Amino acid sequence: MNLHTLTRILFFTFFAFTSTSWAELKWIPESARVQAKMSGDFKTADGKKILLKDLKSKVVFLNFWATWCSQCKEEMPWMTALSKKFSGHGLNMIAATNEDPKVVRKYLEGKDFPFPILLDSRDTLLNRFKVETVPTTLVIDAEGRVAFRVNSVFEWDSPEVIAAFEQFLKGSEQPAIK
């Protein structure tokens, strides 16, 4: 990661910590959703290959995180609960980081996340999805469009989020989260 990218992430991460408005999950109206470029080959922290094209026509939960980010680490158990609840119902969760693979592997020792940890060493996804802070999460609908995005930590296993994902995965156009 170059210095400019690191500086940008640190600035926006600081801003996210001080901005409560970033903590709201806002669904994107179906008519305003933009196509997500789901292409590229990536490796996971455990060396498996992921082809993003294999995720076309599937709902994808894409989280950007870092080992040094305390809010990212706080969010991981909530993501784990969401993944365990919905992975059998069409939710494909991926956590992506652009950190050094050795640092990531060391952090993952003794942890058992039920979703792949993707290594984005060239900032391909970070730049493609204009990620300026971590954590950032996008959900891409089965049509390949960004359905919602949150640029902050979020409690993914709250009852409201669980209910919204149940609606979303059943094909409801606008699940409600209050």
Protein backbone atom coordinates (compact mmCIF):
# COMPACT_ATOMS: atom_id res chain seq x y z
CA MET A 1 0.00 0.00 0.00
CA ASN A 2 1.43 3.37 -0.93
CA LEU A 3 1.70 6.32 1.46
CA HIS A 4 -1.07 8.29 -0.28
CA THR A 5 -3.54 5.42 0.14
CA LEU A 6 -2.58 4.90 3.79
CA THR A 7 -2.92 8.63 4.54
CA ARG A 8 -6.33 8.72 2.85
CA ILE A 9 -7.56 5.71 4.83
CA LEU A 10 -6.27 7.07 8.15
CA PHE A 11 -7.88 10.49 7.54
CA PHE A 12 -11.26 9.07 6.65
CA THR A 13 -11.10 6.49 9.45
CA PHE A 14 -10.56 9.33 11.93
CA PHE A 15 -13.46 11.23 10.36
CA ALA A 16 -15.68 8.15 10.62
CA PHE A 17 -14.95 7.83 14.35
CA THR A 18 -16.17 11.39 14.89
CA SER A 19 -19.19 11.25 12.60
CA THR A 20 -22.34 9.56 13.90
CA SER A 21 -24.16 9.96 10.57
CA TRP A 22 -21.86 7.36 8.98
CA ALA A 23 -23.21 4.70 11.33
CA GLU A 24 -26.60 4.50 9.57
CA LEU A 25 -27.27 1.75 7.07
CA LYS A 26 -28.97 3.35 4.07
CA TRP A 27 -30.45 1.10 1.42
CA ILE A 28 -30.00 2.28 -2.12
CA PRO A 29 -33.31 2.46 -4.01
CA GLU A 30 -33.43 -0.20 -6.70
CA SER A 31 -33.68 2.43 -9.44
CA ALA A 32 -30.48 4.13 -8.21
CA ARG A 33 -28.29 1.06 -7.76
CA VAL A 34 -25.14 0.96 -9.85
CA GLN A 35 -23.52 -2.11 -11.31
CA ALA A 36 -20.60 -3.49 -9.32
CA LYS A 37 -17.61 -4.70 -11.30
CA MET A 38 -17.28 -8.27 -10.09
CA SER A 39 -14.12 -9.40 -11.83
CA GLY A 40 -10.62 -10.35 -10.87
CA ASP A 41 -8.77 -13.24 -9.31
CA PHE A 42 -7.69 -12.97 -5.70
CA LYS A 43 -6.10 -15.17 -3.07
CA THR A 44 -7.39 -15.68 0.42
CA ALA A 45 -5.22 -15.53 3.51
CA ASP A 46 -5.11 -19.33 3.51
CA GLY A 47 -3.99 -19.45 -0.13
CA LYS A 48 -7.26 -20.36 -1.87
CA LYS A 49 -8.15 -18.67 -5.15
CA ILE A 50 -11.35 -16.62 -5.44
CA LEU A 51 -12.72 -15.62 -8.82
CA LEU A 52 -15.16 -12.77 -8.37
CA LYS A 53 -16.95 -13.74 -11.59
CA ASP A 54 -18.07 -16.90 -9.74
CA LEU A 55 -20.13 -14.63 -7.48
CA LYS A 56 -22.21 -13.13 -10.29
CA SER A 57 -25.95 -13.60 -9.75
CA LYS A 58 -25.31 -14.07 -6.02
CA VAL A 59 -25.78 -11.74 -3.07
CA VAL A 60 -22.34 -10.64 -1.86
CA PHE A 61 -21.52 -9.03 1.48
CA LEU A 62 -18.12 -7.38 0.94
CA ASN A 63 -16.40 -5.95 4.00
CA PHE A 64 -13.14 -3.97 3.95
CA TRP A 65 -11.16 -4.17 7.17
CA ALA A 66 -7.67 -4.01 8.70
CA THR A 67 -5.92 -5.75 11.58
CA TRP A 68 -4.99 -2.40 13.16
CA CYS A 69 -8.64 -1.19 13.10
CA SER A 70 -10.31 -1.75 16.49
CA GLN A 71 -13.79 -1.13 15.06
CA CYS A 72 -13.13 -3.70 12.33
CA LYS A 73 -12.21 -6.27 14.96
CA GLU A 74 -15.31 -5.36 16.97
CA GLU A 75 -17.46 -5.94 13.89
CA MET A 76 -16.07 -9.38 12.98
CA PRO A 77 -18.14 -11.39 15.53
CA TRP A 78 -21.32 -9.67 14.30
CA MET A 79 -20.37 -10.52 10.72
CA THR A 80 -19.67 -14.10 11.80
CA ALA A 81 -23.17 -14.39 13.29
CA LEU A 82 -24.75 -12.93 10.13
CA SER A 83 -22.73 -15.26 7.91
CA LYS A 84 -23.66 -18.33 9.94
CA LYS A 85 -27.33 -17.38 9.84
CA PHE A 86 -27.55 -16.63 6.11
CA SER A 87 -24.73 -18.41 4.25
CA GLY A 88 -27.11 -21.30 3.54
CA HIS A 89 -29.73 -18.85 2.27
CA GLY A 90 -27.70 -17.15 -0.46
CA LEU A 91 -25.46 -14.70 1.37
CA ASN A 92 -21.81 -14.84 0.28
CA MET A 93 -19.65 -12.96 2.77
CA ILE A 94 -16.09 -11.84 2.04
CA ALA A 95 -13.77 -9.72 4.19
CA ALA A 96 -11.05 -7.97 2.16
CA THR A 97 -7.86 -6.32 3.34
CA ASN A 98 -4.88 -4.80 1.60
CA GLU A 99 -2.46 -5.51 4.43
CA ASP A 100 0.67 -7.61 4.22
CA PRO A 101 -0.37 -11.29 4.00
CA LYS A 102 2.02 -12.23 6.85
CA VAL A 103 0.38 -9.69 9.17
CA VAL A 104 -3.08 -10.94 8.21
CA ARG A 105 -2.17 -14.61 8.70
CA LYS A 106 -0.66 -13.85 12.11
CA TYR A 107 -3.81 -11.98 13.15
CA LEU A 108 -6.02 -14.88 11.98
CA GLU A 109 -4.13 -17.48 14.06
CA GLY A 110 -6.60 -19.10 16.44
CA LYS A 111 -9.60 -17.38 14.86
CA ASP A 112 -12.23 -19.22 12.87
CA PHE A 113 -14.19 -16.90 10.63
CA PRO A 114 -16.77 -18.73 8.47
CA PHE A 115 -16.06 -16.50 5.46
CA PRO A 116 -12.99 -16.02 3.29
CA ILE A 117 -10.44 -13.32 4.10
CA LEU A 118 -9.45 -11.96 0.71
CA LEU A 119 -6.05 -10.32 0.14
CA ASP A 120 -6.29 -7.17 -1.99
CA SER A 121 -2.56 -6.43 -2.05
CA ARG A 122 -2.76 -4.14 -5.09
CA ASP A 123 -5.73 -2.12 -3.75
CA THR A 124 -7.80 -3.31 -6.70
CA LEU A 125 -11.08 -3.61 -4.80
CA LEU A 126 -10.29 -0.74 -2.47
CA ASN A 127 -9.95 1.57 -5.47
CA ARG A 128 -12.76 -0.02 -7.51
CA PHE A 129 -15.29 0.55 -4.73
CA LYS A 130 -13.78 3.89 -3.64
CA VAL A 131 -13.14 2.75 -0.08
CA GLU A 132 -11.82 5.62 1.98
CA THR A 133 -12.32 4.26 5.50
CA VAL A 134 -12.38 0.94 7.27
CA PRO A 135 -14.56 -0.71 8.07
CA THR A 136 -16.62 -0.25 4.91
CA THR A 137 -19.22 -2.78 3.85
CA LEU A 138 -21.13 -3.16 0.61
CA VAL A 139 -23.90 -5.60 -0.19
CA ILE A 140 -24.21 -6.44 -3.85
CA ASP A 141 -27.59 -7.77 -4.92
CA ALA A 142 -28.21 -10.80 -7.15
CA GLU A 143 -28.39 -8.45 -10.15
CA GLY A 144 -24.78 -7.41 -9.48
CA ARG A 145 -25.66 -3.93 -8.21
CA VAL A 146 -24.63 -2.21 -4.99
CA ALA A 147 -27.75 -2.48 -2.79
CA PHE A 148 -26.32 -0.72 0.25
CA ARG A 149 -23.13 0.57 1.73
CA VAL A 150 -22.03 1.57 5.19
CA ASN A 151 -18.74 3.37 5.84
CA SER A 152 -18.45 2.59 9.53
CA VAL A 153 -18.74 -0.16 12.11
CA PHE A 154 -22.19 -1.73 12.16
CA GLU A 155 -23.90 -4.24 14.43
CA TRP A 156 -24.64 -6.87 11.78
CA ASP A 157 -26.38 -9.32 14.10
CA SER A 158 -28.96 -6.91 15.52
CA PRO A 159 -32.61 -8.04 15.22
CA GLU A 160 -33.37 -5.21 12.76
CA VAL A 161 -30.52 -6.20 10.48
CA ILE A 162 -31.43 -9.89 10.68
CA ALA A 163 -35.04 -9.07 9.70
CA ALA A 164 -33.86 -6.86 6.84
CA PHE A 165 -31.57 -9.57 5.47
CA GLU A 166 -34.39 -12.11 5.69
CA GLN A 167 -36.51 -9.80 3.51
CA PHE A 168 -33.64 -8.97 1.18
CA LEU A 169 -32.67 -12.59 0.56
CA LYS A 170 -36.30 -13.46 -0.15
CA GLY A 171 -36.30 -10.82 -2.90
CA SER A 172 -37.98 -7.91 -1.15
CA GLU A 173 -37.13 -4.75 -3.04
CA GLN A 174 -36.60 -2.44 -0.06
CA PRO A 175 -36.01 -4.12 3.29
CA ALA A 176 -36.40 -1.70 6.14
CA ILE A 177 -33.79 -0.99 8.79
CA LYS A 178 -34.62 1.68 11.32
